[in-house]
Amino acid sequence: MSEIISPLPGIFYRKPGPGKEPFVEEGQAVVAGQTLGIIEIMKQFTEIQADTDGILVSFPVAEGDMVNPGDIIAIISTEAPS
């Protein structure tokens, strides 16, 4: 498993904007460098990207939740399916 950690404080969004589809859904395959969400702090947006290929298992934080540095944002399974 790979844990994607917040690098900064802010508000986490799974979508690029209101009314848009999420960048990725739980259970979907992701590739290293793929955007999983964004963090907003003072109208500045930082993309949060997958650090490995795998399957997105879960988002421990919800859309619009406040996150702090070190918080787990997403969990990716890197194990090959059996």
C-alpha atoms as a PDB file:
ATOM      1  CA  MET A   1       0.000   0.000   0.000  1.00  0.00           C
ATOM      2  CA  SER A   2       1.091   3.526  -0.710  1.00  0.00           C
ATOM      3  CA  GLU A   3      -0.212   6.447   1.353  1.00  0.00           C
ATOM      4  CA  ILE A   4      -0.479   9.832  -0.344  1.00  0.00           C
ATOM      5  CA  ILE A   5       0.350  12.462   2.270  1.00  0.00           C
ATOM      6  CA  SER A   6      -0.677  16.116   2.286  1.00  0.00           C
ATOM      7  CA  PRO A   7       2.380  18.332   1.783  1.00  0.00           C
ATOM      8  CA  LEU A   8       0.623  21.466   3.069  1.00  0.00           C
ATOM      9  CA  PRO A   9      -2.447  22.697   4.940  1.00  0.00           C
ATOM     10  CA  GLY A  10      -5.601  23.627   3.071  1.00  0.00           C
ATOM     11  CA  ILE A  11      -8.937  22.403   1.789  1.00  0.00           C
ATOM     12  CA  PHE A  12      -8.929  19.123  -0.151  1.00  0.00           C
ATOM     13  CA  TYR A  13     -11.035  18.757  -3.280  1.00  0.00           C
ATOM     14  CA  ARG A  14     -11.507  15.584  -5.323  1.00  0.00           C
ATOM     15  CA  LYS A  15     -12.936  17.576  -8.262  1.00  0.00           C
ATOM     16  CA  PRO A  16     -11.383  20.255 -10.485  1.00  0.00           C
ATOM     17  CA  GLY A  17     -14.382  22.513  -9.837  1.00  0.00           C
ATOM     18  CA  PRO A  18     -18.032  22.683  -8.758  1.00  0.00           C
ATOM     19  CA  GLY A  19     -20.262  20.426 -10.854  1.00  0.00           C
ATOM     20  CA  LYS A  20     -17.270  18.593 -12.365  1.00  0.00           C
ATOM     21  CA  GLU A  21     -16.527  14.878 -12.149  1.00  0.00           C
ATOM     22  CA  PRO A  22     -13.909  13.727  -9.589  1.00  0.00           C
ATOM     23  CA  PHE A  23     -10.351  13.329 -10.865  1.00  0.00           C
ATOM     24  CA  VAL A  24     -10.560   9.630  -9.923  1.00  0.00           C
ATOM     25  CA  GLU A  25     -12.973   7.330  -8.092  1.00  0.00           C
ATOM     26  CA  GLU A  26     -12.191   4.726  -5.448  1.00  0.00           C
ATOM     27  CA  GLY A  27     -11.528   1.351  -7.074  1.00  0.00           C
ATOM     28  CA  GLN A  28     -10.090   2.837 -10.274  1.00  0.00           C
ATOM     29  CA  ALA A  29      -6.593   2.192 -11.583  1.00  0.00           C
ATOM     30  CA  VAL A  30      -4.180   5.114 -11.286  1.00  0.00           C
ATOM     31  CA  VAL A  31      -0.713   5.749 -12.701  1.00  0.00           C
ATOM     32  CA  ALA A  32       2.205   7.577 -11.127  1.00  0.00           C
ATOM     33  CA  GLY A  33       1.816  11.306 -11.696  1.00  0.00           C
ATOM     34  CA  GLN A  34      -1.977  11.153 -12.142  1.00  0.00           C
ATOM     35  CA  THR A  35      -3.891  13.892 -10.336  1.00  0.00           C
ATOM     36  CA  LEU A  36      -5.993  12.552  -7.453  1.00  0.00           C
ATOM     37  CA  GLY A  37      -7.198  15.882  -6.082  1.00  0.00           C
ATOM     38  CA  ILE A  38      -6.188  19.432  -5.260  1.00  0.00           C
ATOM     39  CA  ILE A  39      -5.496  21.379  -2.092  1.00  0.00           C
ATOM     40  CA  GLU A  40      -6.506  25.030  -1.897  1.00  0.00           C
ATOM     41  CA  ILE A  41      -4.819  27.474   0.424  1.00  0.00           C
ATOM     42  CA  MET A  42      -5.430  31.205   0.043  1.00  0.00           C
ATOM     43  CA  LYS A  43      -6.760  30.796  -3.534  1.00  0.00           C
ATOM     44  CA  GLN A  44      -3.636  28.852  -4.550  1.00  0.00           C
ATOM     45  CA  PHE A  45      -4.244  25.325  -5.838  1.00  0.00           C
ATOM     46  CA  THR A  46      -1.743  22.466  -5.561  1.00  0.00           C
ATOM     47  CA  GLU A  47      -2.327  19.202  -7.397  1.00  0.00           C
ATOM     48  CA  ILE A  48      -1.985  16.021  -5.378  1.00  0.00           C
ATOM     49  CA  GLN A  49      -0.679  13.221  -7.553  1.00  0.00           C
ATOM     50  CA  ALA A  50      -0.299   9.469  -7.290  1.00  0.00           C
ATOM     51  CA  ASP A  51       3.291   8.482  -6.502  1.00  0.00           C
ATOM     52  CA  THR A  52       2.920   4.977  -7.928  1.00  0.00           C
ATOM     53  CA  ASP A  53       0.799   2.862 -10.255  1.00  0.00           C
ATOM     54  CA  GLY A  54      -1.983   0.893  -8.580  1.00  0.00           C
ATOM     55  CA  ILE A  55      -5.634   0.875  -7.554  1.00  0.00           C
ATOM     56  CA  LEU A  56      -7.085   3.757  -5.542  1.00  0.00           C
ATOM     57  CA  VAL A  57      -8.388   2.063  -2.392  1.00  0.00           C
ATOM     58  CA  SER A  58      -9.812   5.034  -0.495  1.00  0.00           C
ATOM     59  CA  PHE A  59      -9.798   8.715   0.377  1.00  0.00           C
ATOM     60  CA  PRO A  60      -9.601   9.017   4.194  1.00  0.00           C
ATOM     61  CA  VAL A  61     -10.628  12.688   3.820  1.00  0.00           C
ATOM     62  CA  ALA A  62     -13.875  13.902   2.281  1.00  0.00           C
ATOM     63  CA  GLU A  63     -14.472  16.519  -0.385  1.00  0.00           C
ATOM     64  CA  GLY A  64     -14.028  19.952   1.220  1.00  0.00           C
ATOM     65  CA  ASP A  65     -12.267  18.687   4.360  1.00  0.00           C
ATOM     66  CA  MET A  66      -9.428  20.681   5.887  1.00  0.00           C
ATOM     67  CA  VAL A  67      -6.102  18.829   5.753  1.00  0.00           C
ATOM     68  CA  ASN A  68      -2.786  19.457   7.465  1.00  0.00           C
ATOM     69  CA  PRO A  69       0.749  18.519   6.456  1.00  0.00           C
ATOM     70  CA  GLY A  70       1.230  14.808   7.090  1.00  0.00           C
ATOM     71  CA  ASP A  71      -2.464  13.889   6.825  1.00  0.00           C
ATOM     72  CA  ILE A  72      -3.197  10.858   4.650  1.00  0.00           C
ATOM     73  CA  ILE A  73      -5.210  11.966   1.625  1.00  0.00           C
ATOM     74  CA  ALA A  74      -5.417   8.760  -0.399  1.00  0.00           C
ATOM     75  CA  ILE A  75      -4.413   5.108  -0.186  1.00  0.00           C
ATOM     76  CA  ILE A  76      -3.245   3.218  -3.283  1.00  0.00           C
ATOM     77  CA  SER A  77      -2.857  -0.548  -3.461  1.00  0.00           C
ATOM     78  CA  THR A  78       0.321  -1.430  -5.293  1.00  0.00           C
ATOM     79  CA  GLU A  79      -0.173  -5.199  -4.987  1.00  0.00           C
ATOM     80  CA  ALA A  80      -0.887  -7.189  -8.131  1.00  0.00           C
ATOM     81  CA  PRO A  81      -4.366  -8.716  -8.111  1.00  0.00           C
ATOM     82  CA  SER A  82      -4.381 -12.455  -7.447  1.00  0.00           C
END
